[in-house]
Amino acid sequence: MSASFSHQFNVQAVAAEGGSAQFGTNVLTGLVDGIDVFRHELERKRRSRSLGPGMLGAFLWVDDAELLCWIAELPSACVVVSKQLRGPRSLEKLRRVADTVKDAAGFPAWALPHLEGLRFHEDGAAPVVGPGSASPDIQLSVLRSLGYRKAGDHLVPILHTKMLLLGELWWHDEDGSGTVADVIGFRPSRLWLGSAKGTESSRRSLEFGVWTQDPGLMKAAQKFLVEVVAQSEELDLDSNTLTPDLVEPDYADEEMWEAYTALADDAPDEGHRDGE
């Protein structure tokens, strides 16, 4: 018989703000149930400018089948995991996880202000952007990796967080200056923090997980997670080092200035409007 912990360890609680907490075994059930509840709440509200639920997350690793399915089914999601080893067993686990989420939509980078100006690098170099360059409209893959891969006996720093931030993506037809534009954003709603990796094996261990809607915690968590995403890479790259594939572009300054000057020359003269 395989070793297991007694259900006597299991404790559940509700915080004063209404968030639930779970201690003991199988705490991923509380995480999955929370995602389900949130999605159904948004469906019942049916706001006209809503683009549905979104998720940002960071885990050491995720392979729990139920959790992966929920992540993959969301209209917008991006979860970053620590960079995995390259041995045969690790590669097989990676392949199975990638297959599970291969049809997932991912997450629109332009919904997060810190990411909207970034571009994918071109052969390791920042792309050059000019006045005629199209908006990148980057759709981030649902699973990405971050950090350093252990090579040899030397330990490396890793992404060791276990957290998910749920929110709503919204749409508007004007930007901050009132100009007609196609604008989307992400509004955080609740945060899950815990000790459990997103793995099937974590369900058998003694862990904890808690949902919170504390505004300060959600704001800080979003800032952290956006930076994690910004520094991340595609899931199955060979690099052993921190090598983000999203970078700030280089700007063709001379071309940008010429375009600006041309627009200024075409602008109507203040003294000759209205027949003056």
C-alpha atoms as a PDB file:
ATOM      1  CA  MET A   1       0.000   0.000   0.000  1.00  0.00           C
ATOM      2  CA  SER A   2       1.375   3.438  -0.922  1.00  0.00           C
ATOM      3  CA  ALA A   3       2.092   5.942   1.837  1.00  0.00           C
ATOM      4  CA  SER A   4      -0.492   8.651   2.443  1.00  0.00           C
ATOM      5  CA  PHE A   5      -1.521  11.270   4.978  1.00  0.00           C
ATOM      6  CA  SER A   6      -4.715  11.000   7.010  1.00  0.00           C
ATOM      7  CA  HIS A   7      -7.674  13.243   6.214  1.00  0.00           C
ATOM      8  CA  GLN A   8      -7.429  14.415   9.819  1.00  0.00           C
ATOM      9  CA  PHE A   9      -4.892  16.980   8.599  1.00  0.00           C
ATOM     10  CA  ASN A  10      -7.454  18.622   6.335  1.00  0.00           C
ATOM     11  CA  VAL A  11      -8.788  21.988   7.511  1.00  0.00           C
ATOM     12  CA  GLN A  12     -10.845  24.570   5.651  1.00  0.00           C
ATOM     13  CA  ALA A  13     -11.580  28.158   6.606  1.00  0.00           C
ATOM     14  CA  VAL A  14     -13.155  31.348   5.267  1.00  0.00           C
ATOM     15  CA  ALA A  15     -11.342  34.645   5.795  1.00  0.00           C
ATOM     16  CA  ALA A  16     -13.131  37.798   6.974  1.00  0.00           C
ATOM     17  CA  GLU A  17     -13.071  39.173   3.403  1.00  0.00           C
ATOM     18  CA  GLY A  18     -14.755  36.000   2.132  1.00  0.00           C
ATOM     19  CA  GLY A  19     -11.763  34.227   0.597  1.00  0.00           C
ATOM     20  CA  SER A  20     -11.423  30.517   1.260  1.00  0.00           C
ATOM     21  CA  ALA A  21      -8.372  28.721   2.646  1.00  0.00           C
ATOM     22  CA  GLN A  22      -7.476  25.055   2.618  1.00  0.00           C
ATOM     23  CA  PHE A  23      -4.834  23.147   4.575  1.00  0.00           C
ATOM     24  CA  GLY A  24      -3.888  19.485   4.270  1.00  0.00           C
ATOM     25  CA  THR A  25      -4.011  17.210   1.252  1.00  0.00           C
ATOM     26  CA  ASN A  26      -5.463  17.824  -2.204  1.00  0.00           C
ATOM     27  CA  VAL A  27      -5.448  21.620  -1.941  1.00  0.00           C
ATOM     28  CA  LEU A  28      -5.459  21.880  -5.756  1.00  0.00           C
ATOM     29  CA  THR A  29      -9.163  21.037  -5.498  1.00  0.00           C
ATOM     30  CA  GLY A  30      -9.675  24.427  -3.861  1.00  0.00           C
ATOM     31  CA  LEU A  31      -7.712  26.097  -6.658  1.00  0.00           C
ATOM     32  CA  VAL A  32      -9.668  24.395  -9.445  1.00  0.00           C
ATOM     33  CA  ASP A  33     -13.008  25.029  -7.717  1.00  0.00           C
ATOM     34  CA  GLY A  34     -12.113  28.709  -7.345  1.00  0.00           C
ATOM     35  CA  ILE A  35     -11.405  29.030 -11.075  1.00  0.00           C
ATOM     36  CA  ASP A  36     -14.736  27.351 -11.834  1.00  0.00           C
ATOM     37  CA  VAL A  37     -16.672  29.655  -9.484  1.00  0.00           C
ATOM     38  CA  PHE A  38     -15.043  32.781 -10.904  1.00  0.00           C
ATOM     39  CA  ARG A  39     -15.762  31.804 -14.501  1.00  0.00           C
ATOM     40  CA  HIS A  40     -19.430  31.138 -13.751  1.00  0.00           C
ATOM     41  CA  GLU A  41     -19.743  34.457 -11.903  1.00  0.00           C
ATOM     42  CA  LEU A  42     -18.508  36.343 -14.985  1.00  0.00           C
ATOM     43  CA  GLU A  43     -20.861  34.401 -17.251  1.00  0.00           C
ATOM     44  CA  ARG A  44     -23.836  35.400 -15.096  1.00  0.00           C
ATOM     45  CA  LYS A  45     -22.877  39.117 -15.183  1.00  0.00           C
ATOM     46  CA  ARG A  46     -22.477  39.250 -18.998  1.00  0.00           C
ATOM     47  CA  ARG A  47     -21.075  42.788 -19.170  1.00  0.00           C
ATOM     48  CA  SER A  48     -21.125  44.280 -22.675  1.00  0.00           C
ATOM     49  CA  ARG A  49     -17.429  45.213 -22.836  1.00  0.00           C
ATOM     50  CA  SER A  50     -16.140  42.068 -21.176  1.00  0.00           C
ATOM     51  CA  LEU A  51     -13.821  39.725 -23.074  1.00  0.00           C
ATOM     52  CA  GLY A  52     -14.169  37.026 -20.440  1.00  0.00           C
ATOM     53  CA  PRO A  53     -11.938  35.661 -17.706  1.00  0.00           C
ATOM     54  CA  GLY A  54      -8.166  35.868 -17.829  1.00  0.00           C
ATOM     55  CA  MET A  55      -5.359  34.338 -15.808  1.00  0.00           C
ATOM     56  CA  LEU A  56      -1.720  35.041 -15.026  1.00  0.00           C
ATOM     57  CA  GLY A  57       0.257  32.485 -13.041  1.00  0.00           C
ATOM     58  CA  ALA A  58       3.679  31.329 -11.908  1.00  0.00           C
ATOM     59  CA  PHE A  59       4.582  27.840 -10.683  1.00  0.00           C
ATOM     60  CA  LEU A  60       7.645  25.728 -10.228  1.00  0.00           C
ATOM     61  CA  TRP A  61       5.908  23.206 -12.485  1.00  0.00           C
ATOM     62  CA  VAL A  62       2.397  22.276 -13.654  1.00  0.00           C
ATOM     63  CA  ASP A  63       1.329  18.811 -14.782  1.00  0.00           C
ATOM     64  CA  ASP A  64      -1.964  18.166 -12.958  1.00  0.00           C
ATOM     65  CA  ALA A  65      -4.401  17.137 -15.676  1.00  0.00           C
ATOM     66  CA  GLU A  66      -7.470  18.849 -14.201  1.00  0.00           C
ATOM     67  CA  LEU A  67      -5.654  22.122 -13.529  1.00  0.00           C
ATOM     68  CA  LEU A  68      -4.079  22.110 -17.007  1.00  0.00           C
ATOM     69  CA  CYS A  69      -7.494  21.638 -18.614  1.00  0.00           C
ATOM     70  CA  TRP A  70      -8.924  24.615 -16.727  1.00  0.00           C
ATOM     71  CA  ILE A  71      -5.944  26.760 -17.714  1.00  0.00           C
ATOM     72  CA  ALA A  72      -6.239  25.719 -21.357  1.00  0.00           C
ATOM     73  CA  GLU A  73      -9.995  26.355 -21.521  1.00  0.00           C
ATOM     74  CA  LEU A  74      -9.863  29.963 -20.339  1.00  0.00           C
ATOM     75  CA  PRO A  75     -10.209  32.561 -23.120  1.00  0.00           C
ATOM     76  CA  SER A  76      -6.958  34.220 -21.956  1.00  0.00           C
ATOM     77  CA  ALA A  77      -4.249  32.636 -19.812  1.00  0.00           C
ATOM     78  CA  CYS A  78      -0.480  32.665 -19.436  1.00  0.00           C
ATOM     79  CA  VAL A  79       1.265  30.593 -16.760  1.00  0.00           C
ATOM     80  CA  VAL A  80       5.039  30.651 -16.399  1.00  0.00           C
ATOM     81  CA  VAL A  81       6.967  27.687 -14.987  1.00  0.00           C
ATOM     82  CA  SER A  82      10.562  27.205 -13.951  1.00  0.00           C
ATOM     83  CA  LYS A  83      12.856  25.993 -16.729  1.00  0.00           C
ATOM     84  CA  GLN A  84      12.893  22.191 -16.755  1.00  0.00           C
ATOM     85  CA  LEU A  85      15.763  19.721 -17.091  1.00  0.00           C
ATOM     86  CA  ARG A  86      16.569  18.211 -20.486  1.00  0.00           C
ATOM     87  CA  GLY A  87      16.830  14.497 -19.648  1.00  0.00           C
ATOM     88  CA  PRO A  88      14.632  11.897 -21.400  1.00  0.00           C
ATOM     89  CA  ARG A  89      12.083  11.681 -18.549  1.00  0.00           C
ATOM     90  CA  SER A  90      11.810  15.450 -18.241  1.00  0.00           C
ATOM     91  CA  LEU A  91      11.386  15.867 -21.982  1.00  0.00           C
ATOM     92  CA  GLU A  92       8.622  13.264 -22.039  1.00  0.00           C
ATOM     93  CA  LYS A  93       6.787  15.051 -19.202  1.00  0.00           C
ATOM     94  CA  LEU A  94       7.217  18.321 -21.050  1.00  0.00           C
ATOM     95  CA  ARG A  95       5.804  16.804 -24.241  1.00  0.00           C
ATOM     96  CA  ARG A  96       2.700  15.490 -22.451  1.00  0.00           C
ATOM     97  CA  VAL A  97       2.016  18.862 -20.836  1.00  0.00           C
ATOM     98  CA  ALA A  98       2.544  20.728 -24.133  1.00  0.00           C
ATOM     99  CA  ASP A  99       0.117  18.361 -25.879  1.00  0.00           C
ATOM    100  CA  THR A 100      -2.549  19.041 -23.242  1.00  0.00           C
ATOM    101  CA  VAL A 101      -2.496  22.807 -23.840  1.00  0.00           C
ATOM    102  CA  LYS A 102      -1.595  22.904 -27.541  1.00  0.00           C
ATOM    103  CA  ASP A 103      -4.989  24.358 -28.537  1.00  0.00           C
ATOM    104  CA  ALA A 104      -5.139  26.980 -25.758  1.00  0.00           C
ATOM    105  CA  ALA A 105      -5.650  30.611 -26.771  1.00  0.00           C
ATOM    106  CA  GLY A 106      -2.857  32.112 -24.660  1.00  0.00           C
ATOM    107  CA  PHE A 107      -2.860  35.728 -23.462  1.00  0.00           C
ATOM    108  CA  PRO A 108      -2.785  39.033 -25.427  1.00  0.00           C
ATOM    109  CA  ALA A 109       0.365  40.903 -24.410  1.00  0.00           C
ATOM    110  CA  TRP A 110      -1.193  44.260 -25.352  1.00  0.00           C
ATOM    111  CA  ALA A 111      -3.689  43.868 -22.475  1.00  0.00           C
ATOM    112  CA  LEU A 112      -0.833  44.589 -20.032  1.00  0.00           C
ATOM    113  CA  PRO A 113       0.708  48.082 -20.295  1.00  0.00           C
ATOM    114  CA  HIS A 114       4.218  46.912 -19.333  1.00  0.00           C
ATOM    115  CA  LEU A 115       4.197  44.410 -22.215  1.00  0.00           C
ATOM    116  CA  GLU A 116       2.363  46.216 -25.016  1.00  0.00           C
ATOM    117  CA  GLY A 117       5.489  47.865 -26.429  1.00  0.00           C
ATOM    118  CA  LEU A 118       7.671  44.754 -26.416  1.00  0.00           C
ATOM    119  CA  ARG A 119       8.593  42.740 -29.509  1.00  0.00           C
ATOM    120  CA  PHE A 120       9.972  39.256 -30.062  1.00  0.00           C
ATOM    121  CA  HIS A 121      13.702  39.446 -30.663  1.00  0.00           C
ATOM    122  CA  GLU A 122      15.039  38.614 -34.117  1.00  0.00           C
ATOM    123  CA  ASP A 123      17.954  36.167 -33.971  1.00  0.00           C
ATOM    124  CA  GLY A 124      18.805  37.457 -30.506  1.00  0.00           C
ATOM    125  CA  ALA A 125      18.711  41.143 -31.458  1.00  0.00           C
ATOM    126  CA  ALA A 126      16.086  43.779 -30.789  1.00  0.00           C
ATOM    127  CA  PRO A 127      14.026  44.556 -33.914  1.00  0.00           C
ATOM    128  CA  VAL A 128      14.183  48.043 -35.399  1.00  0.00           C
ATOM    129  CA  VAL A 129      10.853  49.885 -35.331  1.00  0.00           C
ATOM    130  CA  GLY A 130      10.009  52.761 -37.663  1.00  0.00           C
ATOM    131  CA  PRO A 131       6.956  54.970 -38.323  1.00  0.00           C
ATOM    132  CA  GLY A 132       5.472  52.384 -40.677  1.00  0.00           C
ATOM    133  CA  SER A 133       5.907  49.410 -38.349  1.00  0.00           C
ATOM    134  CA  ALA A 134       2.728  47.543 -37.565  1.00  0.00           C
ATOM    135  CA  SER A 135       1.523  46.984 -34.015  1.00  0.00           C
ATOM    136  CA  PRO A 136       2.875  43.620 -32.831  1.00  0.00           C
ATOM    137  CA  ASP A 137      -0.378  42.321 -31.239  1.00  0.00           C
ATOM    138  CA  ILE A 138       1.604  39.524 -29.580  1.00  0.00           C
ATOM    139  CA  GLN A 139      -0.399  36.559 -28.312  1.00  0.00           C
ATOM    140  CA  LEU A 140       1.607  34.892 -25.554  1.00  0.00           C
ATOM    141  CA  SER A 141       1.511  31.110 -25.379  1.00  0.00           C
ATOM    142  CA  VAL A 142      -0.429  29.653 -22.463  1.00  0.00           C
ATOM    143  CA  LEU A 143       2.667  28.055 -20.884  1.00  0.00           C
ATOM    144  CA  ARG A 144       6.064  29.724 -20.832  1.00  0.00           C
ATOM    145  CA  SER A 145       9.296  29.158 -18.910  1.00  0.00           C
ATOM    146  CA  LEU A 146      11.603  31.358 -16.885  1.00  0.00           C
ATOM    147  CA  GLY A 147      15.040  31.284 -15.388  1.00  0.00           C
ATOM    148  CA  TYR A 148      18.073  29.056 -15.409  1.00  0.00           C
ATOM    149  CA  ARG A 149      18.382  25.351 -16.063  1.00  0.00           C
ATOM    150  CA  LYS A 150      20.603  23.316 -13.748  1.00  0.00           C
ATOM    151  CA  ALA A 151      23.674  22.019 -15.552  1.00  0.00           C
ATOM    152  CA  GLY A 152      26.033  19.785 -13.572  1.00  0.00           C
ATOM    153  CA  ASP A 153      26.145  19.923  -9.775  1.00  0.00           C
ATOM    154  CA  HIS A 154      25.742  23.666  -9.338  1.00  0.00           C
ATOM    155  CA  LEU A 155      22.372  24.856  -8.060  1.00  0.00           C
ATOM    156  CA  VAL A 156      20.738  27.747  -9.871  1.00  0.00           C
ATOM    157  CA  PRO A 157      18.021  30.211  -8.788  1.00  0.00           C
ATOM    158  CA  ILE A 158      14.573  29.054  -9.885  1.00  0.00           C
ATOM    159  CA  LEU A 159      11.009  30.297 -10.136  1.00  0.00           C
ATOM    160  CA  HIS A 160       9.584  28.775  -6.942  1.00  0.00           C
ATOM    161  CA  THR A 161       6.276  30.613  -6.634  1.00  0.00           C
ATOM    162  CA  LYS A 162       2.846  28.990  -6.581  1.00  0.00           C
ATOM    163  CA  MET A 163       0.281  31.590  -7.492  1.00  0.00           C
ATOM    164  CA  LEU A 164      -2.560  32.399  -9.878  1.00  0.00           C
ATOM    165  CA  LEU A 165      -4.204  35.764 -10.485  1.00  0.00           C
ATOM    166  CA  LEU A 166      -7.686  35.692 -11.986  1.00  0.00           C
ATOM    167  CA  GLY A 167      -9.299  38.695 -13.594  1.00  0.00           C
ATOM    168  CA  GLU A 168     -11.431  39.976 -16.434  1.00  0.00           C
ATOM    169  CA  LEU A 169     -10.285  41.220 -19.811  1.00  0.00           C
ATOM    170  CA  TRP A 170     -12.182  44.291 -20.977  1.00  0.00           C
ATOM    171  CA  TRP A 171     -12.485  46.164 -24.256  1.00  0.00           C
ATOM    172  CA  HIS A 172     -12.950  49.856 -25.096  1.00  0.00           C
ATOM    173  CA  ASP A 173     -13.106  51.819 -28.347  1.00  0.00           C
ATOM    174  CA  GLU A 174     -11.220  54.896 -27.054  1.00  0.00           C
ATOM    175  CA  ASP A 175      -7.746  55.287 -25.635  1.00  0.00           C
ATOM    176  CA  GLY A 176      -6.797  57.496 -22.686  1.00  0.00           C
ATOM    177  CA  SER A 177      -6.775  60.646 -24.828  1.00  0.00           C
ATOM    178  CA  GLY A 178     -10.239  60.026 -26.257  1.00  0.00           C
ATOM    179  CA  THR A 179      -8.949  58.933 -29.663  1.00  0.00           C
ATOM    180  CA  VAL A 180     -10.827  56.109 -31.392  1.00  0.00           C
ATOM    181  CA  ALA A 181      -8.811  52.930 -30.778  1.00  0.00           C
ATOM    182  CA  ASP A 182      -9.196  49.247 -30.083  1.00  0.00           C
ATOM    183  CA  VAL A 183      -8.088  49.027 -26.445  1.00  0.00           C
ATOM    184  CA  ILE A 184      -8.129  46.032 -24.108  1.00  0.00           C
ATOM    185  CA  GLY A 185      -6.968  45.624 -20.532  1.00  0.00           C
ATOM    186  CA  PHE A 186      -6.882  43.212 -17.606  1.00  0.00           C
ATOM    187  CA  ARG A 187      -8.724  43.860 -14.335  1.00  0.00           C
ATOM    188  CA  PRO A 188      -7.578  41.571 -11.449  1.00  0.00           C
ATOM    189  CA  SER A 189     -10.301  40.064  -9.292  1.00  0.00           C
ATOM    190  CA  ARG A 190      -8.863  37.374  -6.999  1.00  0.00           C
ATOM    191  CA  LEU A 191      -5.520  35.835  -6.152  1.00  0.00           C
ATOM    192  CA  TRP A 192      -4.574  32.293  -5.138  1.00  0.00           C
ATOM    193  CA  LEU A 193      -1.408  31.782  -3.083  1.00  0.00           C
ATOM    194  CA  GLY A 194      -0.200  28.449  -1.781  1.00  0.00           C
ATOM    195  CA  SER A 195       2.605  26.018  -1.143  1.00  0.00           C
ATOM    196  CA  ALA A 196       1.477  23.415  -3.683  1.00  0.00           C
ATOM    197  CA  LYS A 197       3.026  23.067  -7.097  1.00  0.00           C
ATOM    198  CA  GLY A 198       0.530  22.616  -9.880  1.00  0.00           C
ATOM    199  CA  THR A 199       1.357  18.924 -10.021  1.00  0.00           C
ATOM    200  CA  GLU A 200      -0.642  15.755  -9.566  1.00  0.00           C
ATOM    201  CA  SER A 201       1.796  14.594  -6.887  1.00  0.00           C
ATOM    202  CA  SER A 202       1.172  17.727  -4.787  1.00  0.00           C
ATOM    203  CA  ARG A 203      -2.381  16.492  -4.139  1.00  0.00           C
ATOM    204  CA  ARG A 204      -0.955  13.776  -1.861  1.00  0.00           C
ATOM    205  CA  SER A 205       1.240  16.109   0.170  1.00  0.00           C
ATOM    206  CA  LEU A 206       0.411  18.384   3.089  1.00  0.00           C
ATOM    207  CA  GLU A 207       0.039  21.829   1.559  1.00  0.00           C
ATOM    208  CA  PHE A 208      -1.967  25.028   1.900  1.00  0.00           C
ATOM    209  CA  GLY A 209      -3.774  27.324  -0.497  1.00  0.00           C
ATOM    210  CA  VAL A 210      -5.729  30.532   0.037  1.00  0.00           C
ATOM    211  CA  TRP A 211      -7.897  32.791  -2.129  1.00  0.00           C
ATOM    212  CA  THR A 212      -7.812  36.517  -1.440  1.00  0.00           C
ATOM    213  CA  GLN A 213      -9.351  39.631  -2.948  1.00  0.00           C
ATOM    214  CA  ASP A 214      -7.144  42.051  -1.031  1.00  0.00           C
ATOM    215  CA  PRO A 215      -6.554  44.976  -3.448  1.00  0.00           C
ATOM    216  CA  GLY A 216      -2.997  45.629  -2.303  1.00  0.00           C
ATOM    217  CA  LEU A 217      -1.962  42.003  -2.643  1.00  0.00           C
ATOM    218  CA  MET A 218      -3.564  41.703  -6.077  1.00  0.00           C
ATOM    219  CA  LYS A 219      -1.855  44.869  -7.300  1.00  0.00           C
ATOM    220  CA  ALA A 220       1.546  43.675  -6.073  1.00  0.00           C
ATOM    221  CA  ALA A 221       0.977  40.182  -7.468  1.00  0.00           C
ATOM    222  CA  GLN A 222       0.041  41.567 -10.885  1.00  0.00           C
ATOM    223  CA  LYS A 223       3.181  43.736 -10.973  1.00  0.00           C
ATOM    224  CA  PHE A 224       5.312  40.701 -10.108  1.00  0.00           C
ATOM    225  CA  LEU A 225       3.589  38.361 -12.564  1.00  0.00           C
ATOM    226  CA  VAL A 226       3.801  40.830 -15.444  1.00  0.00           C
ATOM    227  CA  GLU A 227       7.558  41.070 -14.884  1.00  0.00           C
ATOM    228  CA  VAL A 228       7.786  37.267 -14.770  1.00  0.00           C
ATOM    229  CA  VAL A 229       5.980  37.091 -18.109  1.00  0.00           C
ATOM    230  CA  ALA A 230       8.147  39.849 -19.583  1.00  0.00           C
ATOM    231  CA  GLN A 231      11.319  37.934 -18.670  1.00  0.00           C
ATOM    232  CA  SER A 232      10.019  34.542 -19.814  1.00  0.00           C
ATOM    233  CA  GLU A 233      10.615  32.385 -22.897  1.00  0.00           C
ATOM    234  CA  GLU A 234       8.713  29.804 -24.882  1.00  0.00           C
ATOM    235  CA  LEU A 235       8.270  26.560 -22.985  1.00  0.00           C
ATOM    236  CA  ASP A 236      10.676  24.235 -24.791  1.00  0.00           C
ATOM    237  CA  LEU A 237      13.769  26.277 -25.607  1.00  0.00           C
ATOM    238  CA  ASP A 238      17.302  24.923 -25.141  1.00  0.00           C
ATOM    239  CA  SER A 239      18.793  27.950 -23.396  1.00  0.00           C
ATOM    240  CA  ASN A 240      20.137  27.233 -19.888  1.00  0.00           C
ATOM    241  CA  THR A 241      20.181  30.912 -18.941  1.00  0.00           C
ATOM    242  CA  LEU A 242      17.684  33.722 -18.448  1.00  0.00           C
ATOM    243  CA  THR A 243      17.111  34.714 -22.073  1.00  0.00           C
ATOM    244  CA  PRO A 244      13.817  36.607 -22.538  1.00  0.00           C
ATOM    245  CA  ASP A 245      12.402  36.432 -26.053  1.00  0.00           C
ATOM    246  CA  LEU A 246      10.460  39.676 -25.542  1.00  0.00           C
ATOM    247  CA  VAL A 247      12.614  42.799 -25.790  1.00  0.00           C
ATOM    248  CA  GLU A 248      12.333  46.563 -26.079  1.00  0.00           C
ATOM    249  CA  PRO A 249      12.686  47.452 -29.769  1.00  0.00           C
ATOM    250  CA  ASP A 250      15.271  49.818 -31.196  1.00  0.00           C
ATOM    251  CA  TYR A 251      13.722  52.868 -32.820  1.00  0.00           C
ATOM    252  CA  ALA A 252      14.762  54.273 -36.181  1.00  0.00           C
ATOM    253  CA  ASP A 253      15.170  57.767 -34.731  1.00  0.00           C
ATOM    254  CA  GLU A 254      15.833  59.580 -38.012  1.00  0.00           C
ATOM    255  CA  GLU A 255      12.799  58.046 -39.717  1.00  0.00           C
ATOM    256  CA  MET A 256      10.618  58.752 -36.674  1.00  0.00           C
ATOM    257  CA  TRP A 257      11.723  62.407 -36.651  1.00  0.00           C
ATOM    258  CA  GLU A 258      11.051  62.790 -40.375  1.00  0.00           C
ATOM    259  CA  ALA A 259       7.562  61.355 -39.932  1.00  0.00           C
ATOM    260  CA  TYR A 260       6.884  63.683 -37.004  1.00  0.00           C
ATOM    261  CA  THR A 261       8.098  66.685 -38.997  1.00  0.00           C
ATOM    262  CA  ALA A 262       5.890  65.759 -41.953  1.00  0.00           C
ATOM    263  CA  LEU A 263       2.839  65.559 -39.695  1.00  0.00           C
ATOM    264  CA  ALA A 264       3.672  68.943 -38.175  1.00  0.00           C
ATOM    265  CA  ASP A 265       4.002  70.507 -41.649  1.00  0.00           C
ATOM    266  CA  ASP A 266       0.604  69.111 -42.669  1.00  0.00           C
ATOM    267  CA  ALA A 267      -1.162  70.449 -39.567  1.00  0.00           C
ATOM    268  CA  PRO A 268      -3.420  73.526 -40.192  1.00  0.00           C
ATOM    269  CA  ASP A 269      -1.936  76.860 -39.222  1.00  0.00           C
ATOM    270  CA  GLU A 270      -3.729  78.279 -36.166  1.00  0.00           C
ATOM    271  CA  GLY A 271      -3.843  81.732 -37.735  1.00  0.00           C
ATOM    272  CA  HIS A 272      -5.602  80.632 -40.938  1.00  0.00           C
ATOM    273  CA  ARG A 273      -8.465  78.588 -39.564  1.00  0.00           C
ATOM    274  CA  ASP A 274     -12.075  79.697 -39.948  1.00  0.00           C
ATOM    275  CA  GLY A 275     -11.211  82.129 -42.756  1.00  0.00           C
ATOM    276  CA  GLU A 276      -8.812  84.278 -40.706  1.00  0.00           C
END
